[in-house]
Amino acid sequence: MEIKSFMLKNLGTISSFQVNQNQKPSKITEVDETDFKQEKIKASREKYAEFVQSCNAIYQEATPMQLVDKQTNAINITNGVYYHLGSVNGKPLNGTALTGGGFNSNFSPMFKESAPGTRLTPEQAASLKRHRSYSQAEHQGANEFVAVFMSLSRLAEGKKSVDSMNDDAMFAQHFPKFAKGIGLDLSQPFTINGKSFTYSQGTLQMTATED
């Protein structure tokens, strides 16, 4: 009986310890979940504010930032900045790479979706009007330039390798024209967000940088 009582006592102690241990992480988890939700809400608001700002830049016809510093032959890409990406059929292509993903272009501005069957909002109507003001061929040209820009952005972030860029037929075909349109001199070394590159005979290469 004494052994049984002892075992129960130990079991009770262990159980109490387990309960206490279970309760503490539960409180921490609740705090973590609250922090996570708050951070998620904050991030969502920031992304939406960035989206609204990019739309305002389009509809107010703001002056875009040049993508290339021609003095240093350098490209600097930052999400949320309204850039000029050259011209398509003589029409300027401007837009913003969004932190939440995607590219908001003046050729086809993004808009917030509404429930099916509802009337178009003023923003949706304005976006549709702009979209229809460009031909299918112009949209195709804009999509090609945006695709090159987004590839360069992923390369700068380390999400895409130089080898994958060179294996990309779309990039190989349109990068030289894109570079010319933004004023990047491919006959000289250039940088993308501080990383050094050269482009020769259709091949992109990363070069070592001095410390």
N, C-alpha and C. Protein backbone atom coordinates (compact mmCIF):
# COMPACT_ATOMS: atom_id res chain seq x y z
N MET A 1 0.83 -1.20 0.00
CA MET A 1 0.00 0.00 0.00
C MET A 1 0.87 1.26 0.00
N GLU A 2 1.95 1.17 0.77
CA GLU A 2 2.82 2.34 0.81
C GLU A 2 3.44 2.60 -0.56
N ILE A 3 3.80 1.51 -1.24
CA ILE A 3 4.37 1.67 -2.58
C ILE A 3 3.34 2.27 -3.52
N LYS A 4 2.09 1.78 -3.41
CA LYS A 4 1.03 2.29 -4.27
C LYS A 4 0.79 3.76 -4.01
N SER A 5 0.76 4.11 -2.70
CA SER A 5 0.55 5.50 -2.33
C SER A 5 1.69 6.36 -2.86
N PHE A 6 2.90 5.84 -2.76
CA PHE A 6 4.07 6.57 -3.22
C PHE A 6 4.00 6.80 -4.73
N MET A 7 3.60 5.73 -5.41
CA MET A 7 3.49 5.84 -6.86
C MET A 7 2.43 6.86 -7.26
N LEU A 8 1.31 6.83 -6.53
CA LEU A 8 0.25 7.78 -6.83
C LEU A 8 0.71 9.20 -6.55
N LYS A 9 1.47 9.33 -5.48
CA LYS A 9 1.98 10.66 -5.14
C LYS A 9 2.90 11.16 -6.24
N ASN A 10 3.80 10.29 -6.69
CA ASN A 10 4.69 10.68 -7.77
C ASN A 10 3.90 10.98 -9.05
N LEU A 11 2.91 10.14 -9.31
CA LEU A 11 2.09 10.35 -10.49
C LEU A 11 1.35 11.67 -10.38
N GLY A 12 0.88 11.95 -9.15
CA GLY A 12 0.20 13.22 -8.93
C GLY A 12 1.14 14.39 -9.13
N THR A 13 2.37 14.26 -8.65
CA THR A 13 3.37 15.32 -8.81
C THR A 13 3.70 15.53 -10.28
N ILE A 14 3.89 14.41 -10.96
CA ILE A 14 4.20 14.49 -12.39
C ILE A 14 3.03 15.10 -13.15
N SER A 15 1.81 14.69 -12.77
CA SER A 15 0.63 15.21 -13.44
C SER A 15 0.51 16.71 -13.23
N SER A 16 0.75 17.15 -11.98
CA SER A 16 0.68 18.58 -11.69
C SER A 16 1.73 19.33 -12.50
N PHE A 17 2.93 18.73 -12.56
CA PHE A 17 4.01 19.36 -13.32
C PHE A 17 3.63 19.44 -14.79
N GLN A 18 3.02 18.35 -15.31
CA GLN A 18 2.62 18.35 -16.71
C GLN A 18 1.53 19.37 -16.97
N VAL A 19 0.59 19.48 -16.02
CA VAL A 19 -0.47 20.47 -16.18
C VAL A 19 0.11 21.87 -16.21
N ASN A 20 1.03 22.13 -15.24
CA ASN A 20 1.65 23.45 -15.20
C ASN A 20 2.45 23.73 -16.47
N GLN A 21 3.17 22.68 -16.93
CA GLN A 21 3.95 22.85 -18.15
C GLN A 21 3.03 23.08 -19.35
N ASN A 22 1.90 22.36 -19.36
CA ASN A 22 0.96 22.51 -20.47
C ASN A 22 0.30 23.88 -20.45
N GLN A 23 0.05 24.40 -19.24
CA GLN A 23 -0.62 25.69 -19.13
C GLN A 23 0.29 26.82 -19.58
N LYS A 24 1.57 26.74 -19.19
CA LYS A 24 2.49 27.82 -19.53
C LYS A 24 2.67 27.97 -21.04
N PRO A 25 2.96 26.85 -21.76
CA PRO A 25 3.05 27.01 -23.21
C PRO A 25 1.75 27.49 -23.82
N SER A 26 0.61 27.09 -23.21
CA SER A 26 -0.68 27.53 -23.74
C SER A 26 -0.78 29.04 -23.68
N LYS A 27 -0.33 29.63 -22.56
CA LYS A 27 -0.37 31.08 -22.43
C LYS A 27 0.57 31.73 -23.43
N ILE A 28 1.76 31.12 -23.58
CA ILE A 28 2.73 31.65 -24.53
C ILE A 28 2.18 31.55 -25.95
N THR A 29 1.53 30.41 -26.24
CA THR A 29 0.95 30.22 -27.56
C THR A 29 -0.11 31.26 -27.84
N GLU A 30 -0.94 31.55 -26.82
CA GLU A 30 -1.98 32.55 -27.00
C GLU A 30 -1.37 33.91 -27.30
N VAL A 31 -0.28 34.24 -26.59
CA VAL A 31 0.40 35.50 -26.85
C VAL A 31 1.00 35.50 -28.24
N ASP A 32 1.65 34.36 -28.59
CA ASP A 32 2.25 34.25 -29.92
C ASP A 32 1.20 34.39 -31.01
N GLU A 33 0.05 33.73 -30.80
CA GLU A 33 -1.01 33.81 -31.80
C GLU A 33 -1.54 35.23 -31.93
N THR A 34 -1.66 35.92 -30.78
CA THR A 34 -2.12 37.31 -30.81
C THR A 34 -1.13 38.19 -31.55
N ASP A 35 0.17 38.01 -31.23
CA ASP A 35 1.21 38.78 -31.91
C ASP A 35 1.21 38.48 -33.41
N PHE A 36 1.05 37.19 -33.73
CA PHE A 36 1.04 36.78 -35.13
C PHE A 36 -0.12 37.43 -35.87
N LYS A 37 -1.30 37.42 -35.24
CA LYS A 37 -2.48 38.02 -35.87
C LYS A 37 -2.29 39.52 -36.05
N GLN A 38 -1.71 40.16 -35.02
CA GLN A 38 -1.48 41.60 -35.11
C GLN A 38 -0.48 41.93 -36.21
N GLU A 39 0.59 41.12 -36.29
CA GLU A 39 1.58 41.33 -37.34
C GLU A 39 0.98 41.09 -38.72
N LYS A 40 0.11 40.07 -38.79
CA LYS A 40 -0.54 39.76 -40.06
C LYS A 40 -1.46 40.90 -40.49
N ILE A 41 -2.21 41.45 -39.53
CA ILE A 41 -3.09 42.58 -39.82
C ILE A 41 -2.27 43.80 -40.25
N LYS A 42 -1.17 44.04 -39.52
CA LYS A 42 -0.30 45.16 -39.85
C LYS A 42 0.28 45.02 -41.25
N ALA A 43 0.76 43.80 -41.56
CA ALA A 43 1.34 43.54 -42.88
C ALA A 43 0.29 43.70 -43.98
N SER A 44 -0.93 43.22 -43.68
CA SER A 44 -2.01 43.33 -44.65
C SER A 44 -2.35 44.80 -44.92
N ARG A 45 -2.38 45.60 -43.86
CA ARG A 45 -2.67 47.03 -44.02
C ARG A 45 -1.58 47.73 -44.81
N GLU A 46 -0.32 47.36 -44.52
CA GLU A 46 0.80 47.98 -45.23
C GLU A 46 0.77 47.62 -46.71
N LYS A 47 0.44 46.35 -47.00
CA LYS A 47 0.36 45.92 -48.40
C LYS A 47 -0.77 46.65 -49.12
N TYR A 48 -1.90 46.82 -48.42
CA TYR A 48 -3.03 47.50 -49.04
C TYR A 48 -2.69 48.97 -49.27
N ALA A 49 -2.02 49.59 -48.29
CA ALA A 49 -1.62 50.99 -48.44
C ALA A 49 -0.66 51.15 -49.62
N GLU A 50 0.23 50.18 -49.78
CA GLU A 50 1.17 50.19 -50.89
C GLU A 50 0.43 50.06 -52.22
N PHE A 51 -0.59 49.19 -52.24
CA PHE A 51 -1.41 49.00 -53.43
C PHE A 51 -2.15 50.29 -53.79
N VAL A 52 -2.75 50.94 -52.78
CA VAL A 52 -3.48 52.20 -53.01
C VAL A 52 -2.53 53.27 -53.53
N GLN A 53 -1.34 53.34 -52.93
CA GLN A 53 -0.35 54.32 -53.37
C GLN A 53 0.06 54.09 -54.82
N SER A 54 0.20 52.82 -55.19
CA SER A 54 0.59 52.50 -56.57
C SER A 54 -0.52 52.89 -57.55
N CYS A 55 -1.78 52.70 -57.14
CA CYS A 55 -2.91 53.10 -57.99
C CYS A 55 -2.98 54.61 -58.12
N ASN A 56 -2.76 55.32 -57.01
CA ASN A 56 -2.77 56.78 -57.06
C ASN A 56 -1.70 57.31 -58.01
N ALA A 57 -0.54 56.67 -57.99
CA ALA A 57 0.55 57.09 -58.88
C ALA A 57 0.13 56.95 -60.34
N ILE A 58 -0.62 55.88 -60.63
CA ILE A 58 -1.09 55.65 -62.00
C ILE A 58 -2.13 56.68 -62.41
N TYR A 59 -3.19 56.82 -61.60
CA TYR A 59 -4.31 57.68 -61.99
C TYR A 59 -3.98 59.17 -61.90
N GLN A 60 -3.03 59.53 -61.03
CA GLN A 60 -2.61 60.92 -60.93
C GLN A 60 -1.46 61.24 -61.88
N GLU A 61 -1.06 60.20 -62.64
CA GLU A 61 0.02 60.33 -63.62
C GLU A 61 1.27 60.94 -62.98
N ALA A 62 1.65 60.35 -61.85
CA ALA A 62 2.84 60.80 -61.15
C ALA A 62 4.09 60.52 -61.98
N THR A 63 5.12 61.30 -61.76
CA THR A 63 6.39 61.08 -62.46
C THR A 63 7.08 59.85 -61.87
N PRO A 64 7.33 58.83 -62.68
CA PRO A 64 7.96 57.62 -62.15
C PRO A 64 9.45 57.81 -61.90
N MET A 65 9.99 56.97 -61.04
CA MET A 65 11.43 57.00 -60.79
C MET A 65 12.14 56.22 -61.90
N GLN A 66 13.28 56.73 -62.33
CA GLN A 66 14.06 56.02 -63.34
C GLN A 66 14.69 54.78 -62.70
N LEU A 67 14.60 53.67 -63.40
CA LEU A 67 15.11 52.40 -62.86
C LEU A 67 16.63 52.35 -62.87
N VAL A 68 17.25 53.08 -63.80
CA VAL A 68 18.71 53.02 -63.95
C VAL A 68 19.35 54.36 -63.61
N ASP A 69 20.40 54.29 -62.81
CA ASP A 69 21.27 55.45 -62.60
C ASP A 69 22.31 55.41 -63.71
N LYS A 70 22.16 56.26 -64.70
CA LYS A 70 23.02 56.20 -65.89
C LYS A 70 24.46 56.62 -65.59
N GLN A 71 24.67 57.34 -64.50
CA GLN A 71 26.03 57.73 -64.14
C GLN A 71 26.85 56.52 -63.68
N THR A 72 26.18 55.58 -63.02
CA THR A 72 26.88 54.40 -62.47
C THR A 72 26.47 53.11 -63.17
N ASN A 73 25.54 53.21 -64.13
CA ASN A 73 25.02 52.03 -64.84
C ASN A 73 24.49 51.00 -63.83
N ALA A 74 23.69 51.51 -62.90
CA ALA A 74 23.19 50.67 -61.81
C ALA A 74 21.67 50.64 -61.77
N ILE A 75 21.13 49.44 -61.56
CA ILE A 75 19.70 49.24 -61.35
C ILE A 75 19.46 49.07 -59.85
N ASN A 76 18.47 49.78 -59.35
CA ASN A 76 18.08 49.62 -57.95
C ASN A 76 16.58 49.35 -57.90
N ILE A 77 16.21 48.17 -57.39
CA ILE A 77 14.81 47.76 -57.36
C ILE A 77 14.33 47.67 -55.92
N THR A 78 13.26 48.40 -55.63
CA THR A 78 12.64 48.37 -54.30
C THR A 78 11.14 48.21 -54.47
N ASN A 79 10.55 47.28 -53.75
CA ASN A 79 9.10 47.11 -53.80
C ASN A 79 8.42 48.38 -53.31
N GLY A 80 7.29 48.70 -53.94
CA GLY A 80 6.52 49.87 -53.52
C GLY A 80 6.91 51.16 -54.22
N VAL A 81 7.92 51.10 -55.08
CA VAL A 81 8.38 52.30 -55.80
C VAL A 81 7.81 52.28 -57.22
N TYR A 82 7.33 53.43 -57.67
CA TYR A 82 6.74 53.57 -59.01
C TYR A 82 7.85 53.84 -60.01
N TYR A 83 8.13 52.85 -60.88
CA TYR A 83 9.25 52.93 -61.82
C TYR A 83 8.81 53.10 -63.27
N HIS A 84 9.73 53.65 -64.06
CA HIS A 84 9.55 53.71 -65.51
C HIS A 84 10.30 52.54 -66.12
N LEU A 85 9.60 51.72 -66.92
CA LEU A 85 10.21 50.52 -67.50
C LEU A 85 10.37 50.63 -69.01
N GLY A 86 10.51 51.84 -69.50
CA GLY A 86 10.67 52.01 -70.94
C GLY A 86 9.33 52.30 -71.60
N SER A 87 9.28 52.07 -72.90
CA SER A 87 8.06 52.37 -73.67
C SER A 87 7.68 51.19 -74.55
N VAL A 88 6.38 51.07 -74.78
CA VAL A 88 5.84 50.04 -75.68
C VAL A 88 5.06 50.76 -76.77
N ASN A 89 5.52 50.64 -78.00
CA ASN A 89 4.87 51.33 -79.12
C ASN A 89 4.80 52.84 -78.86
N GLY A 90 5.85 53.37 -78.25
CA GLY A 90 5.92 54.80 -77.98
C GLY A 90 5.15 55.25 -76.75
N LYS A 91 4.51 54.32 -76.05
CA LYS A 91 3.72 54.66 -74.87
C LYS A 91 4.47 54.24 -73.61
N PRO A 92 4.64 55.16 -72.64
CA PRO A 92 5.42 54.85 -71.45
C PRO A 92 4.80 53.74 -70.61
N LEU A 93 5.66 52.83 -70.17
CA LEU A 93 5.23 51.74 -69.29
C LEU A 93 5.77 52.03 -67.89
N ASN A 94 4.87 52.26 -66.96
CA ASN A 94 5.24 52.55 -65.58
C ASN A 94 4.52 51.59 -64.64
N GLY A 95 5.08 51.39 -63.47
CA GLY A 95 4.39 50.53 -62.53
C GLY A 95 5.18 50.28 -61.25
N THR A 96 4.55 49.50 -60.38
CA THR A 96 5.09 49.24 -59.04
C THR A 96 5.10 47.75 -58.75
N ALA A 97 6.24 47.24 -58.31
CA ALA A 97 6.32 45.86 -57.82
C ALA A 97 5.80 45.87 -56.38
N LEU A 98 4.77 45.07 -56.11
CA LEU A 98 4.13 45.08 -54.80
C LEU A 98 4.75 44.05 -53.87
N THR A 99 4.87 44.41 -52.60
CA THR A 99 5.44 43.52 -51.60
C THR A 99 4.64 42.23 -51.50
N GLY A 100 3.33 42.33 -51.65
CA GLY A 100 2.48 41.14 -51.56
C GLY A 100 2.51 40.28 -52.80
N GLY A 101 3.25 40.71 -53.83
CA GLY A 101 3.33 39.96 -55.07
C GLY A 101 2.63 40.67 -56.20
N GLY A 102 3.14 40.49 -57.40
CA GLY A 102 2.52 41.10 -58.57
C GLY A 102 3.11 42.45 -58.91
N PHE A 103 2.67 42.97 -60.05
CA PHE A 103 3.17 44.26 -60.54
C PHE A 103 1.97 45.08 -60.99
N ASN A 104 1.81 46.26 -60.42
CA ASN A 104 0.68 47.13 -60.76
C ASN A 104 1.11 48.10 -61.84
N SER A 105 0.62 47.88 -63.05
CA SER A 105 1.06 48.62 -64.24
C SER A 105 0.03 49.63 -64.71
N ASN A 106 0.50 50.72 -65.29
CA ASN A 106 -0.42 51.72 -65.85
C ASN A 106 -1.12 51.19 -67.10
N PHE A 107 -0.63 50.08 -67.67
CA PHE A 107 -1.31 49.49 -68.82
C PHE A 107 -2.56 48.72 -68.39
N SER A 108 -2.54 48.21 -67.18
CA SER A 108 -3.68 47.43 -66.68
C SER A 108 -3.69 47.46 -65.16
N PRO A 109 -4.15 48.57 -64.57
CA PRO A 109 -4.11 48.71 -63.11
C PRO A 109 -4.91 47.63 -62.38
N MET A 110 -4.37 47.20 -61.25
CA MET A 110 -5.08 46.24 -60.42
C MET A 110 -6.27 46.92 -59.75
N PHE A 111 -7.20 46.12 -59.26
CA PHE A 111 -8.32 46.67 -58.50
C PHE A 111 -8.79 45.64 -57.49
N LYS A 112 -9.49 46.12 -56.49
CA LYS A 112 -10.00 45.24 -55.44
C LYS A 112 -11.25 44.54 -55.94
N GLU A 113 -11.27 43.22 -55.81
CA GLU A 113 -12.41 42.44 -56.29
C GLU A 113 -13.65 42.71 -55.44
N SER A 114 -14.81 42.58 -56.07
CA SER A 114 -16.07 42.69 -55.35
C SER A 114 -16.88 41.42 -55.60
N ALA A 115 -17.99 41.30 -54.92
CA ALA A 115 -18.80 40.08 -55.02
C ALA A 115 -19.35 39.91 -56.44
N PRO A 116 -19.43 38.67 -56.92
CA PRO A 116 -19.98 38.41 -58.26
C PRO A 116 -21.40 38.96 -58.38
N GLY A 117 -21.69 39.53 -59.54
CA GLY A 117 -23.03 40.03 -59.78
C GLY A 117 -23.25 41.47 -59.36
N THR A 118 -22.27 42.07 -58.68
CA THR A 118 -22.42 43.46 -58.25
C THR A 118 -21.93 44.40 -59.36
N ARG A 119 -22.35 45.65 -59.28
CA ARG A 119 -21.97 46.63 -60.29
C ARG A 119 -20.49 46.98 -60.15
N LEU A 120 -19.90 47.43 -61.25
CA LEU A 120 -18.50 47.84 -61.22
C LEU A 120 -18.32 49.04 -60.30
N THR A 121 -17.27 49.01 -59.51
CA THR A 121 -16.93 50.17 -58.69
C THR A 121 -16.24 51.20 -59.59
N PRO A 122 -16.15 52.46 -59.17
CA PRO A 122 -15.44 53.47 -59.97
C PRO A 122 -14.00 53.05 -60.28
N GLU A 123 -13.34 52.41 -59.30
CA GLU A 123 -11.96 51.96 -59.51
C GLU A 123 -11.89 50.88 -60.58
N GLN A 124 -12.85 49.94 -60.54
CA GLN A 124 -12.87 48.87 -61.54
C GLN A 124 -13.15 49.43 -62.93
N ALA A 125 -14.07 50.39 -63.00
CA ALA A 125 -14.40 51.00 -64.29
C ALA A 125 -13.20 51.75 -64.86
N ALA A 126 -12.47 52.46 -63.98
CA ALA A 126 -11.29 53.21 -64.43
C ALA A 126 -10.20 52.26 -64.92
N SER A 127 -10.04 51.13 -64.22
CA SER A 127 -9.04 50.15 -64.62
C SER A 127 -9.40 49.53 -65.96
N LEU A 128 -10.67 49.21 -66.13
CA LEU A 128 -11.13 48.62 -67.39
C LEU A 128 -10.94 49.58 -68.55
N LYS A 129 -11.22 50.86 -68.31
CA LYS A 129 -11.06 51.88 -69.35
C LYS A 129 -9.60 51.99 -69.78
N ARG A 130 -8.69 51.99 -68.80
CA ARG A 130 -7.26 52.07 -69.12
C ARG A 130 -6.81 50.82 -69.87
N HIS A 131 -7.26 49.67 -69.40
CA HIS A 131 -6.87 48.40 -70.03
C HIS A 131 -7.27 48.40 -71.50
N ARG A 132 -8.47 48.87 -71.79
CA ARG A 132 -8.99 48.85 -73.16
C ARG A 132 -8.35 49.92 -74.05
N SER A 133 -7.64 50.86 -73.44
CA SER A 133 -7.02 51.93 -74.24
C SER A 133 -5.73 51.45 -74.92
N TYR A 134 -5.29 50.24 -74.58
CA TYR A 134 -4.09 49.67 -75.21
C TYR A 134 -4.49 48.46 -76.05
N SER A 135 -3.77 48.26 -77.14
CA SER A 135 -4.06 47.13 -78.02
C SER A 135 -3.53 45.83 -77.41
N GLN A 136 -3.96 44.73 -77.98
CA GLN A 136 -3.49 43.42 -77.50
C GLN A 136 -1.98 43.29 -77.67
N ALA A 137 -1.47 43.80 -78.79
CA ALA A 137 -0.02 43.74 -79.03
C ALA A 137 0.74 44.58 -78.01
N GLU A 138 0.17 45.73 -77.63
CA GLU A 138 0.81 46.59 -76.63
C GLU A 138 0.81 45.92 -75.26
N HIS A 139 -0.28 45.26 -74.93
CA HIS A 139 -0.33 44.52 -73.67
C HIS A 139 0.72 43.40 -73.66
N GLN A 140 0.88 42.74 -74.80
CA GLN A 140 1.87 41.68 -74.90
C GLN A 140 3.27 42.23 -74.67
N GLY A 141 3.56 43.37 -75.30
CA GLY A 141 4.87 44.00 -75.12
C GLY A 141 5.10 44.43 -73.68
N ALA A 142 4.06 44.97 -73.05
CA ALA A 142 4.17 45.38 -71.65
C ALA A 142 4.42 44.17 -70.75
N ASN A 143 3.71 43.08 -71.02
CA ASN A 143 3.88 41.86 -70.22
C ASN A 143 5.30 41.32 -70.33
N GLU A 144 5.88 41.42 -71.51
CA GLU A 144 7.25 40.94 -71.72
C GLU A 144 8.25 41.76 -70.91
N PHE A 145 8.08 43.09 -70.91
CA PHE A 145 8.99 43.95 -70.15
C PHE A 145 8.81 43.75 -68.65
N VAL A 146 7.57 43.61 -68.22
CA VAL A 146 7.31 43.39 -66.79
C VAL A 146 7.91 42.06 -66.35
N ALA A 147 7.82 41.04 -67.21
CA ALA A 147 8.39 39.73 -66.88
C ALA A 147 9.90 39.83 -66.71
N VAL A 148 10.56 40.61 -67.58
CA VAL A 148 12.01 40.82 -67.45
C VAL A 148 12.32 41.54 -66.14
N PHE A 149 11.55 42.58 -65.85
CA PHE A 149 11.76 43.34 -64.61
C PHE A 149 11.61 42.44 -63.38
N MET A 150 10.56 41.62 -63.35
CA MET A 150 10.32 40.75 -62.20
C MET A 150 11.41 39.69 -62.07
N SER A 151 11.95 39.23 -63.19
CA SER A 151 13.07 38.28 -63.15
C SER A 151 14.30 38.94 -62.54
N LEU A 152 14.56 40.18 -62.93
CA LEU A 152 15.69 40.92 -62.36
C LEU A 152 15.49 41.15 -60.86
N SER A 153 14.25 41.41 -60.48
CA SER A 153 13.94 41.61 -59.06
C SER A 153 14.21 40.35 -58.26
N ARG A 154 13.79 39.20 -58.79
CA ARG A 154 14.03 37.92 -58.09
C ARG A 154 15.52 37.58 -58.07
N LEU A 155 16.23 37.95 -59.13
CA LEU A 155 17.68 37.74 -59.16
C LEU A 155 18.34 38.57 -58.06
N ALA A 156 17.91 39.82 -57.92
CA ALA A 156 18.48 40.70 -56.90
C ALA A 156 18.20 40.19 -55.49
N GLU A 157 17.04 39.54 -55.31
CA GLU A 157 16.66 39.01 -54.00
C GLU A 157 17.28 37.65 -53.72
N GLY A 158 17.98 37.09 -54.71
CA GLY A 158 18.57 35.77 -54.53
C GLY A 158 17.59 34.64 -54.72
N LYS A 159 16.41 34.94 -55.28
CA LYS A 159 15.39 33.92 -55.50
C LYS A 159 15.50 33.27 -56.88
N LYS A 160 16.41 33.80 -57.69
CA LYS A 160 16.63 33.25 -59.02
C LYS A 160 18.12 33.30 -59.31
N SER A 161 18.63 32.26 -59.96
CA SER A 161 20.06 32.19 -60.24
C SER A 161 20.38 32.74 -61.62
N VAL A 162 21.65 33.05 -61.84
CA VAL A 162 22.09 33.52 -63.14
C VAL A 162 21.86 32.44 -64.19
N ASP A 163 22.12 31.18 -63.83
CA ASP A 163 21.93 30.07 -64.77
C ASP A 163 20.47 29.98 -65.21
N SER A 164 19.55 30.14 -64.27
CA SER A 164 18.13 30.05 -64.62
C SER A 164 17.72 31.23 -65.51
N MET A 165 18.35 32.37 -65.31
CA MET A 165 18.08 33.53 -66.17
C MET A 165 18.53 33.23 -67.60
N ASN A 166 19.71 32.65 -67.73
CA ASN A 166 20.24 32.35 -69.06
C ASN A 166 19.47 31.23 -69.75
N ASP A 167 18.82 30.37 -68.96
CA ASP A 167 18.01 29.29 -69.53
C ASP A 167 16.60 29.75 -69.89
N ASP A 168 16.26 30.96 -69.50
CA ASP A 168 14.92 31.50 -69.73
C ASP A 168 14.87 32.14 -71.12
N ALA A 169 14.18 31.49 -72.05
CA ALA A 169 14.13 31.97 -73.44
C ALA A 169 13.49 33.35 -73.53
N MET A 170 12.46 33.59 -72.70
CA MET A 170 11.79 34.89 -72.71
C MET A 170 12.76 35.99 -72.29
N PHE A 171 13.52 35.74 -71.23
CA PHE A 171 14.48 36.74 -70.75
C PHE A 171 15.55 37.00 -71.81
N ALA A 172 16.07 35.93 -72.40
CA ALA A 172 17.12 36.07 -73.41
C ALA A 172 16.63 36.90 -74.60
N GLN A 173 15.37 36.72 -74.96
CA GLN A 173 14.82 37.41 -76.12
C GLN A 173 14.55 38.89 -75.85
N HIS A 174 14.06 39.21 -74.66
CA HIS A 174 13.57 40.57 -74.42
C HIS A 174 14.47 41.44 -73.53
N PHE A 175 15.44 40.85 -72.85
CA PHE A 175 16.29 41.64 -71.95
C PHE A 175 17.06 42.75 -72.68
N PRO A 176 17.70 42.47 -73.83
CA PRO A 176 18.44 43.55 -74.51
C PRO A 176 17.56 44.75 -74.86
N LYS A 177 16.35 44.49 -75.36
CA LYS A 177 15.44 45.59 -75.71
C LYS A 177 14.98 46.32 -74.45
N PHE A 178 14.71 45.57 -73.39
CA PHE A 178 14.31 46.17 -72.12
C PHE A 178 15.43 47.07 -71.59
N ALA A 179 16.66 46.55 -71.63
CA ALA A 179 17.82 47.31 -71.14
C ALA A 179 17.98 48.62 -71.90
N LYS A 180 17.82 48.55 -73.22
CA LYS A 180 17.95 49.76 -74.04
C LYS A 180 16.88 50.78 -73.66
N GLY A 181 15.67 50.29 -73.40
CA GLY A 181 14.56 51.19 -73.08
C GLY A 181 14.72 51.91 -71.75
N ILE A 182 15.40 51.27 -70.79
CA ILE A 182 15.57 51.91 -69.48
C ILE A 182 16.91 52.62 -69.36
N GLY A 183 17.74 52.53 -70.42
CA GLY A 183 19.02 53.25 -70.42
C GLY A 183 20.16 52.49 -69.78
N LEU A 184 20.06 51.16 -69.73
CA LEU A 184 21.15 50.35 -69.18
C LEU A 184 22.12 50.00 -70.30
N ASP A 185 23.41 50.30 -70.10
CA ASP A 185 24.44 50.05 -71.10
C ASP A 185 25.00 48.64 -70.91
N LEU A 186 24.59 47.71 -71.78
CA LEU A 186 25.03 46.32 -71.64
C LEU A 186 26.45 46.09 -72.14
N SER A 187 27.03 47.10 -72.79
CA SER A 187 28.43 46.96 -73.23
C SER A 187 29.39 47.19 -72.07
N GLN A 188 28.85 47.64 -70.94
CA GLN A 188 29.65 47.91 -69.74
C GLN A 188 29.14 47.06 -68.58
N PRO A 189 29.99 46.79 -67.58
CA PRO A 189 29.51 46.11 -66.37
C PRO A 189 28.41 46.95 -65.71
N PHE A 190 27.49 46.29 -65.05
CA PHE A 190 26.41 47.00 -64.37
C PHE A 190 26.09 46.29 -63.06
N THR A 191 25.33 46.96 -62.22
CA THR A 191 24.95 46.36 -60.94
C THR A 191 23.42 46.33 -60.81
N ILE A 192 22.95 45.34 -60.06
CA ILE A 192 21.54 45.24 -59.70
C ILE A 192 21.49 45.10 -58.19
N ASN A 193 21.00 46.13 -57.53
CA ASN A 193 20.96 46.17 -56.06
C ASN A 193 22.32 45.84 -55.45
N GLY A 194 23.37 46.39 -56.05
CA GLY A 194 24.72 46.24 -55.51
C GLY A 194 25.49 45.03 -56.01
N LYS A 195 24.82 44.10 -56.70
CA LYS A 195 25.49 42.92 -57.23
C LYS A 195 25.96 43.21 -58.66
N SER A 196 27.19 42.82 -58.97
CA SER A 196 27.80 43.17 -60.25
C SER A 196 27.58 42.10 -61.32
N PHE A 197 27.31 42.56 -62.55
CA PHE A 197 27.04 41.65 -63.66
C PHE A 197 27.66 42.19 -64.95
N THR A 198 27.81 41.26 -65.90
CA THR A 198 28.13 41.63 -67.27
C THR A 198 27.17 40.87 -68.18
N TYR A 199 27.00 41.38 -69.40
CA TYR A 199 26.13 40.70 -70.37
C TYR A 199 26.83 40.74 -71.72
N SER A 200 27.17 39.55 -72.21
CA SER A 200 27.91 39.48 -73.47
C SER A 200 27.46 38.28 -74.28
N GLN A 201 27.22 38.51 -75.57
CA GLN A 201 26.81 37.45 -76.49
C GLN A 201 25.61 36.66 -75.95
N GLY A 202 24.67 37.39 -75.38
CA GLY A 202 23.43 36.78 -74.91
C GLY A 202 23.53 36.05 -73.59
N THR A 203 24.65 36.22 -72.88
CA THR A 203 24.84 35.51 -71.61
C THR A 203 25.05 36.49 -70.46
N LEU A 204 24.28 36.31 -69.41
CA LEU A 204 24.42 37.11 -68.20
C LEU A 204 25.40 36.43 -67.26
N GLN A 205 26.33 37.19 -66.71
CA GLN A 205 27.31 36.63 -65.78
C GLN A 205 27.43 37.53 -64.56
N MET A 206 27.55 36.89 -63.39
CA MET A 206 27.81 37.65 -62.17
C MET A 206 29.31 37.75 -61.98
N THR A 207 29.77 38.93 -61.62
CA THR A 207 31.20 39.14 -61.42
C THR A 207 31.49 39.34 -59.95
N ALA A 208 32.70 38.99 -59.55
CA ALA A 208 33.10 39.13 -58.15
C ALA A 208 33.21 40.60 -57.80
N THR A 209 32.80 40.94 -56.58
CA THR A 209 32.91 42.32 -56.12
C THR A 209 34.03 42.42 -55.10
N GLU A 210 34.73 43.53 -55.13
CA GLU A 210 35.82 43.73 -54.18
C GLU A 210 35.27 44.13 -52.83
N ASP A 211 35.86 43.59 -51.77
CA ASP A 211 35.43 43.92 -50.41
C ASP A 211 35.91 45.32 -50.05
